[in-house]
């Protein structure tokens, strides 16, 4: 109890001291504002949806809550697992956390949604995961299924928000329903420009959950954050997004996962280079994917020399300020690829969310011509997005709704 009172007092003092510097103060994720939610969790049986990004300084949220006497009954682990050692797409088994003895239930593979037994005797669920603001980053899909399960079981979901490092822009084609998958569940563009809490409000507000059920939300906001403020996550959002450069490039280079080219998985600069053995002699960059524990155990083109674009040389400040996906690299490498009929694979439409982009590239459309076909969909999405924003972003200022103040 004494420790809890000390946390509350420190939070009040910090708030008073920081008020005058909110324009320049670094953004503070909700999880770090323990005083804003700890009272809501007391005397309740709690389940956590967390991963390695769920940190308060150097302490994991699980350990922090346990030290404060919170009854953490279960941990739900999304893609890559609770400790983050699984490859992208790798099956994750249910287990027990060795450090705490708490059951860990996988929410990836065939079991993406918590079942009735998973939530039996749980009073509330806490969701705390770092996102990077793209449609194909699967943590927003996990959010959808967790919200749906909580709504069906009449369990409240506490969303501890985190800043979105790509939250300063909206771009890309809108996903079409026929391409719905775990890497694209909703009719949104590739880059949605929202935090997890804002996205949760949109899922509810647009009635995307099964049978239009509504999930009761308790939202704890980020402090000193807005959609124009640059944010560098303190922990890598996933094993293959180890740097801010990879995070900024990801919305553009992830399209290459729908082609026969390597995006640098199996190197220490994934999503910062794109290449293939068949491009030898056309580009000076050469990289060789290898098996790396905790990143990529069996990456595409394992042990083969790949030649292509070194995007580590891109001006990252300019990339950030451009506020858009860059298609030029995709168009260039398609033109350079010797066997164009083999350039794309069947995954491309799931990532792009549309049949149109592949056809536009094959027909030789320019980047400007392609972007023009996105304009109407993006404008409609921006209008929808405005209703759910919790933070100031440029000229947009949205009134508070049902978030925790």
Foldseek 3Di string as FASTA:
>chain_A
DVVLVVLLVVLVVVCVVCVVPLQPDAKFFQLLSCNLPLVVQPPFEEEEEAAVLCDNVPHHSVVVNVVVPGHDAEYEYEACGRDNQDEGLDDDQWDADPVPRHTYHYLDDPNVADDPVNCPRGQAYEYEAADQQFLQPLVLLSVQRDQLRCLVVVHAYEYGKDDHQLLQAAEAAFADCVLDDSRHHHRGGGGQNAISQLSLVLCLVVQSHVVSGHHHYAYRGMGSDFSVDHDWRPQQRHLQRGGVLQSLQVSAQVLQVQWLWAQPQQHPHGVQWIWALQLPPVAPDWDARDADGSTHRDGPRHGHITGGDRNVPPDSVVSSVVRYHDHPRVLVVCVSHPDNVRTGHPCNCSSNNDPPPVVCSVVPHDPVVVRVVRVVVRVVSVVSSLARHPHDHPPRDHDDDPYRD
